[in-house]
Amino acid sequence: MSPAPVVAACVQMRSGRDPAVNRDDAVALIRQAADAGATYVQTPEMTGLVERSRRSLMENIRSEADDPLIAAVRDVARARGLMVHIGSLALKDGDKVANRAFVVDAAGDIVATYTKIHLFDVDLPGGESWRESATYVGGAEAPVVASPIGALGVTICYDLRFPYLYRALAAAGAAVLTAPACFTRQTGEAHWHVLQRARAIENGAFILSAAQGGLHADGRETYGHSLIVDPWGRVLAEGGTEPGVILAEIDPAAVAEARQRIPSLQHTRPVKVRHAGTVMSEVAEA
């Protein structure tokens, strides 16, 4: 007999420069999701602070052991008997910053962490530029975590553009993928939906991604549109740009069905690539 469907929620936020306000907003939205029947709740990337200034960021963040949002989430998870996935927090890591996710179980215990592997170093049209590697330290491992909605593969934001990461998580047993984000409005309008749906379809998995949305106090504009997508690529729930909660039923049987219909995980093969014909560097030298 297949497990019964369970309700999952994504919390959309517009985190600002005051960690205490962001903490209270996150907890209130988590409680709202719990009241609506969710047993798993996910918050966005940078739940605790959205701050572009490196100096202000370093002045306002804490270590993992001292972060007040982690403590508040552990309390609400324990009190409401639900799993809370903090999409990510900025935390002190030596002279740099870790962009780190936390999965907290219904007993209030931290059962998994994940430090964002892929750092967003890009120059976008219109002069928008980001250099995460100047401030953040990258991670090296991604976890698969037991959860009420199925085995959970944990990633963050820019990771979404690297499909091999999600294939590795699915191959390791993940039935639900996650990519909580602070996507820019520009890149979100272009790629957010297609990337989310592609990762779900490629791996026959649900994908849940809570997002930041709107114009933030530090001047950045994020795309929002938190998403819950099923293993066939159908959008089950979607946010707009305002803070709030989206919910959907997660049916584990849908993963088995999608993977049976399109068994691409079973068909994955190692690939060797070789150059044929004239090598481009030789053409340039001619």
C-alpha atoms as a PDB file:
ATOM      1  CA  MET A   1       0.000   0.000   0.000  1.00  0.00           C
ATOM      2  CA  SER A   2       1.344   3.438  -0.979  1.00  0.00           C
ATOM      3  CA  PRO A   3       1.727   6.121   1.700  1.00  0.00           C
ATOM      4  CA  ALA A   4      -1.142   8.609   1.826  1.00  0.00           C
ATOM      5  CA  PRO A   5      -0.646  12.047   0.275  1.00  0.00           C
ATOM      6  CA  VAL A   6       0.501  14.747   2.684  1.00  0.00           C
ATOM      7  CA  VAL A   7       0.350  18.537   2.509  1.00  0.00           C
ATOM      8  CA  ALA A   8       3.508  20.552   1.881  1.00  0.00           C
ATOM      9  CA  ALA A   9       3.885  24.316   1.997  1.00  0.00           C
ATOM     10  CA  CYS A  10       6.268  26.906   0.618  1.00  0.00           C
ATOM     11  CA  VAL A  11       6.553  30.211   2.456  1.00  0.00           C
ATOM     12  CA  GLN A  12       7.194  33.222   0.247  1.00  0.00           C
ATOM     13  CA  MET A  13       8.908  36.195   1.878  1.00  0.00           C
ATOM     14  CA  ARG A  14      10.387  39.620   1.219  1.00  0.00           C
ATOM     15  CA  SER A  15      13.159  39.529   3.792  1.00  0.00           C
ATOM     16  CA  GLY A  16      14.778  42.827   4.612  1.00  0.00           C
ATOM     17  CA  ARG A  17      17.692  44.212   6.616  1.00  0.00           C
ATOM     18  CA  ASP A  18      16.335  43.564  10.138  1.00  0.00           C
ATOM     19  CA  PRO A  19      16.951  39.940  11.235  1.00  0.00           C
ATOM     20  CA  ALA A  20      14.445  40.189  14.094  1.00  0.00           C
ATOM     21  CA  VAL A  21      11.632  41.294  11.765  1.00  0.00           C
ATOM     22  CA  ASN A  22      12.523  38.565   9.265  1.00  0.00           C
ATOM     23  CA  ARG A  23      12.526  35.956  12.038  1.00  0.00           C
ATOM     24  CA  ASP A  24       9.084  37.012  13.252  1.00  0.00           C
ATOM     25  CA  ASP A  25       7.689  37.112   9.708  1.00  0.00           C
ATOM     26  CA  ALA A  26       9.042  33.626   8.983  1.00  0.00           C
ATOM     27  CA  VAL A  27       7.612  32.136  12.162  1.00  0.00           C
ATOM     28  CA  ALA A  28       4.200  33.720  11.538  1.00  0.00           C
ATOM     29  CA  LEU A  29       4.071  32.281   8.007  1.00  0.00           C
ATOM     30  CA  ILE A  30       5.222  28.848   9.208  1.00  0.00           C
ATOM     31  CA  ARG A  31       2.387  28.868  11.741  1.00  0.00           C
ATOM     32  CA  GLN A  32      -0.034  29.884   8.981  1.00  0.00           C
ATOM     33  CA  ALA A  33       1.112  26.917   6.900  1.00  0.00           C
ATOM     34  CA  ALA A  34       0.711  24.579   9.874  1.00  0.00           C
ATOM     35  CA  ASP A  35      -2.820  25.908  10.477  1.00  0.00           C
ATOM     36  CA  ALA A  36      -3.596  25.044   6.845  1.00  0.00           C
ATOM     37  CA  GLY A  37      -2.571  21.421   7.408  1.00  0.00           C
ATOM     38  CA  ALA A  38       1.045  21.323   6.200  1.00  0.00           C
ATOM     39  CA  THR A  39       3.361  18.718   7.699  1.00  0.00           C
ATOM     40  CA  TYR A  40       6.408  20.038   5.794  1.00  0.00           C
ATOM     41  CA  VAL A  41       7.100  23.766   5.425  1.00  0.00           C
ATOM     42  CA  GLN A  42       9.911  25.346   3.429  1.00  0.00           C
ATOM     43  CA  THR A  43      11.140  28.964   3.631  1.00  0.00           C
ATOM     44  CA  PRO A  44      13.191  30.793   0.962  1.00  0.00           C
ATOM     45  CA  GLU A  45      16.885  31.299   0.472  1.00  0.00           C
ATOM     46  CA  MET A  46      18.202  34.061   2.764  1.00  0.00           C
ATOM     47  CA  THR A  47      15.209  33.794   5.089  1.00  0.00           C
ATOM     48  CA  GLY A  48      16.953  35.669   7.893  1.00  0.00           C
ATOM     49  CA  LEU A  49      18.514  38.591   6.022  1.00  0.00           C
ATOM     50  CA  VAL A  50      18.668  39.986   2.487  1.00  0.00           C
ATOM     51  CA  GLU A  51      21.593  42.406   2.447  1.00  0.00           C
ATOM     52  CA  ARG A  52      23.779  43.316  -0.513  1.00  0.00           C
ATOM     53  CA  SER A  53      26.367  45.310   1.463  1.00  0.00           C
ATOM     54  CA  ARG A  54      29.113  42.975   2.684  1.00  0.00           C
ATOM     55  CA  ARG A  55      29.876  45.229   5.643  1.00  0.00           C
ATOM     56  CA  SER A  56      26.250  45.348   6.809  1.00  0.00           C
ATOM     57  CA  LEU A  57      25.883  41.634   6.187  1.00  0.00           C
ATOM     58  CA  MET A  58      28.845  40.794   8.418  1.00  0.00           C
ATOM     59  CA  GLU A  59      27.558  43.124  11.135  1.00  0.00           C
ATOM     60  CA  ASN A  60      24.134  41.484  11.240  1.00  0.00           C
ATOM     61  CA  ILE A  61      24.759  37.761  10.898  1.00  0.00           C
ATOM     62  CA  ARG A  62      25.696  35.226  13.554  1.00  0.00           C
ATOM     63  CA  SER A  63      27.294  31.817  13.753  1.00  0.00           C
ATOM     64  CA  GLU A  64      25.122  28.735  13.391  1.00  0.00           C
ATOM     65  CA  ALA A  65      25.175  28.171  17.155  1.00  0.00           C
ATOM     66  CA  ASP A  66      24.011  31.722  17.909  1.00  0.00           C
ATOM     67  CA  ASP A  67      21.497  32.384  15.153  1.00  0.00           C
ATOM     68  CA  PRO A  68      18.108  33.369  16.662  1.00  0.00           C
ATOM     69  CA  LEU A  69      16.067  32.306  13.622  1.00  0.00           C
ATOM     70  CA  ILE A  70      17.305  28.727  13.902  1.00  0.00           C
ATOM     71  CA  ALA A  71      16.262  28.663  17.563  1.00  0.00           C
ATOM     72  CA  ALA A  72      12.828  30.131  16.751  1.00  0.00           C
ATOM     73  CA  VAL A  73      12.226  27.611  13.954  1.00  0.00           C
ATOM     74  CA  ARG A  74      13.224  24.695  16.168  1.00  0.00           C
ATOM     75  CA  ASP A  75      10.699  25.911  18.736  1.00  0.00           C
ATOM     76  CA  VAL A  76       7.824  26.256  16.252  1.00  0.00           C
ATOM     77  CA  ALA A  77       8.608  22.901  14.615  1.00  0.00           C
ATOM     78  CA  ARG A  78       8.514  21.194  18.000  1.00  0.00           C
ATOM     79  CA  ALA A  79       5.375  23.024  19.130  1.00  0.00           C
ATOM     80  CA  ARG A  80       3.428  22.353  15.931  1.00  0.00           C
ATOM     81  CA  GLY A  81       4.801  18.878  15.184  1.00  0.00           C
ATOM     82  CA  LEU A  82       5.976  19.594  11.650  1.00  0.00           C
ATOM     83  CA  MET A  83       9.171  19.516   9.610  1.00  0.00           C
ATOM     84  CA  VAL A  84      10.553  22.949   8.736  1.00  0.00           C
ATOM     85  CA  HIS A  85      13.121  23.379   5.999  1.00  0.00           C
ATOM     86  CA  ILE A  86      14.881  26.731   6.335  1.00  0.00           C
ATOM     87  CA  GLY A  87      15.719  27.431   2.693  1.00  0.00           C
ATOM     88  CA  SER A  88      18.921  29.132   3.745  1.00  0.00           C
ATOM     89  CA  LEU A  89      20.535  31.572   6.137  1.00  0.00           C
ATOM     90  CA  ALA A  90      23.664  33.673   5.862  1.00  0.00           C
ATOM     91  CA  LEU A  91      25.987  32.542   8.673  1.00  0.00           C
ATOM     92  CA  LYS A  92      29.520  33.491   9.701  1.00  0.00           C
ATOM     93  CA  ASP A  93      32.156  31.039   8.478  1.00  0.00           C
ATOM     94  CA  GLY A  94      35.583  32.419   9.383  1.00  0.00           C
ATOM     95  CA  ASP A  95      36.125  35.609   7.383  1.00  0.00           C
ATOM     96  CA  LYS A  96      33.496  34.543   4.853  1.00  0.00           C
ATOM     97  CA  VAL A  97      29.825  33.603   4.895  1.00  0.00           C
ATOM     98  CA  ALA A  98      28.056  30.267   4.499  1.00  0.00           C
ATOM     99  CA  ASN A  99      24.750  30.187   2.617  1.00  0.00           C
ATOM    100  CA  ARG A 100      23.315  27.258   4.531  1.00  0.00           C
ATOM    101  CA  ALA A 101      20.019  25.352   4.622  1.00  0.00           C
ATOM    102  CA  PHE A 102      18.640  23.558   7.672  1.00  0.00           C
ATOM    103  CA  VAL A 103      16.074  20.770   7.879  1.00  0.00           C
ATOM    104  CA  VAL A 104      14.408  20.627  11.296  1.00  0.00           C
ATOM    105  CA  ASP A 105      12.207  17.675  12.254  1.00  0.00           C
ATOM    106  CA  ALA A 106       8.997  17.599  14.271  1.00  0.00           C
ATOM    107  CA  ALA A 107      10.978  17.119  17.495  1.00  0.00           C
ATOM    108  CA  GLY A 108      12.837  20.372  16.835  1.00  0.00           C
ATOM    109  CA  ASP A 109      16.103  18.624  15.986  1.00  0.00           C
ATOM    110  CA  ILE A 110      18.317  19.652  13.064  1.00  0.00           C
ATOM    111  CA  VAL A 111      18.493  16.511  10.918  1.00  0.00           C
ATOM    112  CA  ALA A 112      20.387  17.918   7.923  1.00  0.00           C
ATOM    113  CA  THR A 113      22.288  20.957   6.715  1.00  0.00           C
ATOM    114  CA  TYR A 114      23.450  21.969   3.265  1.00  0.00           C
ATOM    115  CA  THR A 115      25.861  24.708   2.184  1.00  0.00           C
ATOM    116  CA  LYS A 116      25.168  26.059  -1.304  1.00  0.00           C
ATOM    117  CA  ILE A 117      27.606  24.506  -3.773  1.00  0.00           C
ATOM    118  CA  HIS A 118      27.300  26.757  -6.838  1.00  0.00           C
ATOM    119  CA  LEU A 119      28.031  30.457  -6.266  1.00  0.00           C
ATOM    120  CA  PHE A 120      26.326  33.121  -8.363  1.00  0.00           C
ATOM    121  CA  ASP A 121      29.081  35.087 -10.153  1.00  0.00           C
ATOM    122  CA  VAL A 122      27.410  36.725 -13.139  1.00  0.00           C
ATOM    123  CA  ASP A 123      27.118  39.946 -15.126  1.00  0.00           C
ATOM    124  CA  LEU A 124      23.573  40.484 -16.384  1.00  0.00           C
ATOM    125  CA  PRO A 125      22.248  42.853 -19.063  1.00  0.00           C
ATOM    126  CA  GLY A 126      21.505  46.341 -17.769  1.00  0.00           C
ATOM    127  CA  GLY A 127      24.524  46.442 -15.456  1.00  0.00           C
ATOM    128  CA  GLU A 128      23.270  44.031 -12.773  1.00  0.00           C
ATOM    129  CA  SER A 129      26.290  42.146 -11.418  1.00  0.00           C
ATOM    130  CA  TRP A 130      26.778  39.570  -8.637  1.00  0.00           C
ATOM    131  CA  ARG A 131      29.944  38.052  -7.143  1.00  0.00           C
ATOM    132  CA  GLU A 132      28.888  35.623  -4.430  1.00  0.00           C
ATOM    133  CA  SER A 133      32.343  34.034  -4.329  1.00  0.00           C
ATOM    134  CA  ALA A 134      33.777  37.285  -2.957  1.00  0.00           C
ATOM    135  CA  THR A 135      31.708  36.855   0.209  1.00  0.00           C
ATOM    136  CA  TYR A 136      30.499  33.262   0.406  1.00  0.00           C
ATOM    137  CA  VAL A 137      32.239  29.924   0.775  1.00  0.00           C
ATOM    138  CA  GLY A 138      30.871  27.081  -1.357  1.00  0.00           C
ATOM    139  CA  GLY A 139      29.812  23.675  -0.094  1.00  0.00           C
ATOM    140  CA  ALA A 140      30.751  20.243  -1.419  1.00  0.00           C
ATOM    141  CA  GLU A 141      27.969  17.781  -0.503  1.00  0.00           C
ATOM    142  CA  ALA A 142      24.185  17.680  -0.904  1.00  0.00           C
ATOM    143  CA  PRO A 143      22.015  15.586   1.439  1.00  0.00           C
ATOM    144  CA  VAL A 144      19.034  13.321   0.904  1.00  0.00           C
ATOM    145  CA  VAL A 145      16.835  13.534   3.999  1.00  0.00           C
ATOM    146  CA  ALA A 146      13.900  11.423   5.191  1.00  0.00           C
ATOM    147  CA  SER A 147      10.809  13.628   5.447  1.00  0.00           C
ATOM    148  CA  PRO A 148       7.016  13.342   5.759  1.00  0.00           C
ATOM    149  CA  ILE A 149       6.689  14.017   2.009  1.00  0.00           C
ATOM    150  CA  GLY A 150       9.356  11.528   0.917  1.00  0.00           C
ATOM    151  CA  ALA A 151      13.132  11.429   0.573  1.00  0.00           C
ATOM    152  CA  LEU A 152      14.164  15.055   0.194  1.00  0.00           C
ATOM    153  CA  GLY A 153      17.056  16.326  -1.948  1.00  0.00           C
ATOM    154  CA  VAL A 154      18.311  19.667  -0.655  1.00  0.00           C
ATOM    155  CA  THR A 155      19.767  22.428  -2.878  1.00  0.00           C
ATOM    156  CA  ILE A 156      19.668  26.233  -3.063  1.00  0.00           C
ATOM    157  CA  CYS A 157      18.812  28.729  -5.826  1.00  0.00           C
ATOM    158  CA  TYR A 158      21.634  28.916  -8.440  1.00  0.00           C
ATOM    159  CA  ASP A 159      22.144  25.165  -8.024  1.00  0.00           C
ATOM    160  CA  LEU A 160      18.988  24.871 -10.147  1.00  0.00           C
ATOM    161  CA  ARG A 161      21.066  25.487 -13.299  1.00  0.00           C
ATOM    162  CA  PHE A 162      23.213  22.388 -12.752  1.00  0.00           C
ATOM    163  CA  PRO A 163      21.127  19.340 -13.686  1.00  0.00           C
ATOM    164  CA  TYR A 164      23.793  16.791 -12.714  1.00  0.00           C
ATOM    165  CA  LEU A 165      23.252  17.723  -9.052  1.00  0.00           C
ATOM    166  CA  TYR A 166      19.562  16.789  -9.217  1.00  0.00           C
ATOM    167  CA  ARG A 167      20.265  13.590 -11.139  1.00  0.00           C
ATOM    168  CA  ALA A 168      22.742  12.602  -8.411  1.00  0.00           C
ATOM    169  CA  LEU A 169      20.156  13.320  -5.705  1.00  0.00           C
ATOM    170  CA  ALA A 170      17.466  11.347  -7.557  1.00  0.00           C
ATOM    171  CA  ALA A 171      19.884   8.449  -8.116  1.00  0.00           C
ATOM    172  CA  ALA A 172      20.550   8.508  -4.361  1.00  0.00           C
ATOM    173  CA  GLY A 173      16.843   8.073  -3.656  1.00  0.00           C
ATOM    174  CA  ALA A 174      15.389  11.592  -3.593  1.00  0.00           C
ATOM    175  CA  ALA A 175      11.720  11.673  -4.594  1.00  0.00           C
ATOM    176  CA  VAL A 176      11.285  15.357  -3.751  1.00  0.00           C
ATOM    177  CA  LEU A 177      13.799  17.979  -4.893  1.00  0.00           C
ATOM    178  CA  THR A 178      14.081  21.452  -3.400  1.00  0.00           C
ATOM    179  CA  ALA A 179      15.556  24.732  -4.647  1.00  0.00           C
ATOM    180  CA  PRO A 180      14.506  27.580  -2.333  1.00  0.00           C
ATOM    181  CA  ALA A 181      15.647  30.796  -3.947  1.00  0.00           C
ATOM    182  CA  CYS A 182      16.319  34.495  -4.015  1.00  0.00           C
ATOM    183  CA  PHE A 183      16.174  34.636  -7.842  1.00  0.00           C
ATOM    184  CA  THR A 184      16.590  38.051  -9.432  1.00  0.00           C
ATOM    185  CA  ARG A 185      13.537  39.354 -11.248  1.00  0.00           C
ATOM    186  CA  GLN A 186      15.455  39.435 -14.545  1.00  0.00           C
ATOM    187  CA  THR A 187      16.617  35.818 -14.466  1.00  0.00           C
ATOM    188  CA  GLY A 188      13.386  34.615 -12.897  1.00  0.00           C
ATOM    189  CA  GLU A 189      11.240  36.041 -15.675  1.00  0.00           C
ATOM    190  CA  ALA A 190      13.452  34.290 -18.227  1.00  0.00           C
ATOM    191  CA  HIS A 191      14.171  30.909 -16.653  1.00  0.00           C
ATOM    192  CA  TRP A 192      12.500  30.169 -13.293  1.00  0.00           C
ATOM    193  CA  HIS A 193       9.532  28.123 -14.470  1.00  0.00           C
ATOM    194  CA  VAL A 194      11.293  26.203 -17.216  1.00  0.00           C
ATOM    195  CA  LEU A 195      14.203  25.203 -14.955  1.00  0.00           C
ATOM    196  CA  GLN A 196      11.909  24.057 -12.147  1.00  0.00           C
ATOM    197  CA  ARG A 197       9.729  22.008 -14.468  1.00  0.00           C
ATOM    198  CA  ALA A 198      12.749  20.547 -16.271  1.00  0.00           C
ATOM    199  CA  ARG A 199      14.374  19.335 -13.043  1.00  0.00           C
ATOM    200  CA  ALA A 200      11.076  17.692 -12.031  1.00  0.00           C
ATOM    201  CA  ILE A 201      10.533  16.031 -15.418  1.00  0.00           C
ATOM    202  CA  GLU A 202      14.145  14.860 -15.842  1.00  0.00           C
ATOM    203  CA  ASN A 203      14.102  13.069 -12.518  1.00  0.00           C
ATOM    204  CA  GLY A 204      10.464  12.032 -12.131  1.00  0.00           C
ATOM    205  CA  ALA A 205      10.365  13.963  -8.868  1.00  0.00           C
ATOM    206  CA  PHE A 206       8.392  16.671  -7.140  1.00  0.00           C
ATOM    207  CA  ILE A 207      10.216  19.967  -6.792  1.00  0.00           C
ATOM    208  CA  LEU A 208       9.351  22.525  -4.116  1.00  0.00           C
ATOM    209  CA  SER A 209      10.946  25.957  -4.166  1.00  0.00           C
ATOM    210  CA  ALA A 210      10.034  28.756  -1.775  1.00  0.00           C
ATOM    211  CA  ALA A 211      11.149  32.148  -3.054  1.00  0.00           C
ATOM    212  CA  GLN A 212      11.852  35.718  -2.096  1.00  0.00           C
ATOM    213  CA  GLY A 213       9.675  38.185  -4.008  1.00  0.00           C
ATOM    214  CA  GLY A 214       9.450  41.914  -4.613  1.00  0.00           C
ATOM    215  CA  LEU A 215      11.590  44.997  -4.002  1.00  0.00           C
ATOM    216  CA  HIS A 216      13.844  44.554  -0.958  1.00  0.00           C
ATOM    217  CA  ALA A 217      15.273  47.163   1.389  1.00  0.00           C
ATOM    218  CA  ASP A 218      18.782  46.659  -0.025  1.00  0.00           C
ATOM    219  CA  GLY A 219      17.535  47.651  -3.494  1.00  0.00           C
ATOM    220  CA  ARG A 220      17.413  44.263  -5.178  1.00  0.00           C
ATOM    221  CA  GLU A 221      14.255  42.975  -6.834  1.00  0.00           C
ATOM    222  CA  THR A 222      13.471  39.267  -6.642  1.00  0.00           C
ATOM    223  CA  TYR A 223      11.109  37.260  -8.784  1.00  0.00           C
ATOM    224  CA  GLY A 224       8.951  35.416  -6.248  1.00  0.00           C
ATOM    225  CA  HIS A 225       6.600  32.833  -7.791  1.00  0.00           C
ATOM    226  CA  SER A 226       7.250  30.092  -5.244  1.00  0.00           C
ATOM    227  CA  LEU A 227       6.476  26.790  -6.959  1.00  0.00           C
ATOM    228  CA  ILE A 228       5.371  23.247  -6.230  1.00  0.00           C
ATOM    229  CA  VAL A 229       5.725  21.067  -9.346  1.00  0.00           C
ATOM    230  CA  ASP A 230       4.770  17.408  -9.702  1.00  0.00           C
ATOM    231  CA  PRO A 231       6.901  14.651 -11.315  1.00  0.00           C
ATOM    232  CA  TRP A 232       5.122  15.082 -14.667  1.00  0.00           C
ATOM    233  CA  GLY A 233       6.064  18.773 -14.739  1.00  0.00           C
ATOM    234  CA  ARG A 234       2.652  20.143 -13.770  1.00  0.00           C
ATOM    235  CA  VAL A 235       2.553  23.215 -11.527  1.00  0.00           C
ATOM    236  CA  LEU A 236       0.456  22.303  -8.490  1.00  0.00           C
ATOM    237  CA  ALA A 237       0.807  25.634  -6.668  1.00  0.00           C
ATOM    238  CA  GLU A 238       2.391  28.988  -7.412  1.00  0.00           C
ATOM    239  CA  GLY A 239       2.871  32.241  -5.552  1.00  0.00           C
ATOM    240  CA  GLY A 240       2.984  35.752  -6.972  1.00  0.00           C
ATOM    241  CA  THR A 241       5.342  38.458  -5.732  1.00  0.00           C
ATOM    242  CA  GLU A 242       3.783  39.112  -2.319  1.00  0.00           C
ATOM    243  CA  PRO A 243       4.650  37.274   0.910  1.00  0.00           C
ATOM    244  CA  GLY A 244       2.372  34.365   1.729  1.00  0.00           C
ATOM    245  CA  VAL A 245       1.960  30.591   1.736  1.00  0.00           C
ATOM    246  CA  ILE A 246       1.281  28.117  -1.075  1.00  0.00           C
ATOM    247  CA  LEU A 247       0.214  24.525  -0.428  1.00  0.00           C
ATOM    248  CA  ALA A 248      -0.199  21.297  -2.352  1.00  0.00           C
ATOM    249  CA  GLU A 249      -0.719  17.605  -1.670  1.00  0.00           C
ATOM    250  CA  ILE A 250       2.383  15.495  -2.282  1.00  0.00           C
ATOM    251  CA  ASP A 251       1.415  11.998  -3.413  1.00  0.00           C
ATOM    252  CA  PRO A 252       4.373   9.567  -3.272  1.00  0.00           C
ATOM    253  CA  ALA A 253       2.626   7.316  -5.796  1.00  0.00           C
ATOM    254  CA  ALA A 254       3.061  10.038  -8.435  1.00  0.00           C
ATOM    255  CA  VAL A 255       6.839   9.607  -8.299  1.00  0.00           C
ATOM    256  CA  ALA A 256       6.669   5.862  -8.929  1.00  0.00           C
ATOM    257  CA  GLU A 257       4.158   6.404 -11.723  1.00  0.00           C
ATOM    258  CA  ALA A 258       6.271   9.041 -13.507  1.00  0.00           C
ATOM    259  CA  ARG A 259       9.442   6.963 -13.223  1.00  0.00           C
ATOM    260  CA  GLN A 260       7.652   3.912 -14.586  1.00  0.00           C
ATOM    261  CA  ARG A 261       6.232   5.827 -17.547  1.00  0.00           C
ATOM    262  CA  ILE A 262       9.572   7.498 -18.423  1.00  0.00           C
ATOM    263  CA  PRO A 263      12.350   5.392 -16.809  1.00  0.00           C
ATOM    264  CA  SER A 264      15.159   7.829 -17.604  1.00  0.00           C
ATOM    265  CA  LEU A 265      16.896   7.221 -14.276  1.00  0.00           C
ATOM    266  CA  GLN A 266      17.350   3.583 -15.282  1.00  0.00           C
ATOM    267  CA  HIS A 267      18.587   4.571 -18.735  1.00  0.00           C
ATOM    268  CA  THR A 268      21.386   6.901 -17.587  1.00  0.00           C
ATOM    269  CA  ARG A 269      24.715   5.900 -19.127  1.00  0.00           C
ATOM    270  CA  PRO A 270      28.260   7.228 -18.804  1.00  0.00           C
ATOM    271  CA  VAL A 271      29.250   9.317 -21.816  1.00  0.00           C
ATOM    272  CA  LYS A 272      32.641   9.858 -23.423  1.00  0.00           C
ATOM    273  CA  VAL A 273      33.112  12.945 -25.584  1.00  0.00           C
ATOM    274  CA  ARG A 274      35.649  13.163 -28.399  1.00  0.00           C
ATOM    275  CA  HIS A 275      36.557  15.866 -30.853  1.00  0.00           C
ATOM    276  CA  ALA A 276      36.012  15.082 -34.538  1.00  0.00           C
ATOM    277  CA  GLY A 277      37.386  17.019 -37.471  1.00  0.00           C
ATOM    278  CA  THR A 278      39.383  20.213 -37.127  1.00  0.00           C
ATOM    279  CA  VAL A 279      39.960  21.476 -33.602  1.00  0.00           C
ATOM    280  CA  MET A 280      38.784  25.060 -33.241  1.00  0.00           C
ATOM    281  CA  SER A 281      42.106  26.281 -31.786  1.00  0.00           C
ATOM    282  CA  GLU A 282      43.887  25.061 -34.917  1.00  0.00           C
ATOM    283  CA  VAL A 283      41.443  26.962 -37.110  1.00  0.00           C
ATOM    284  CA  ALA A 284      42.119  30.145 -35.148  1.00  0.00           C
ATOM    285  CA  GLU A 285      45.876  29.772 -35.689  1.00  0.00           C
ATOM    286  CA  ALA A 286      45.573  29.189 -39.468  1.00  0.00           C
END
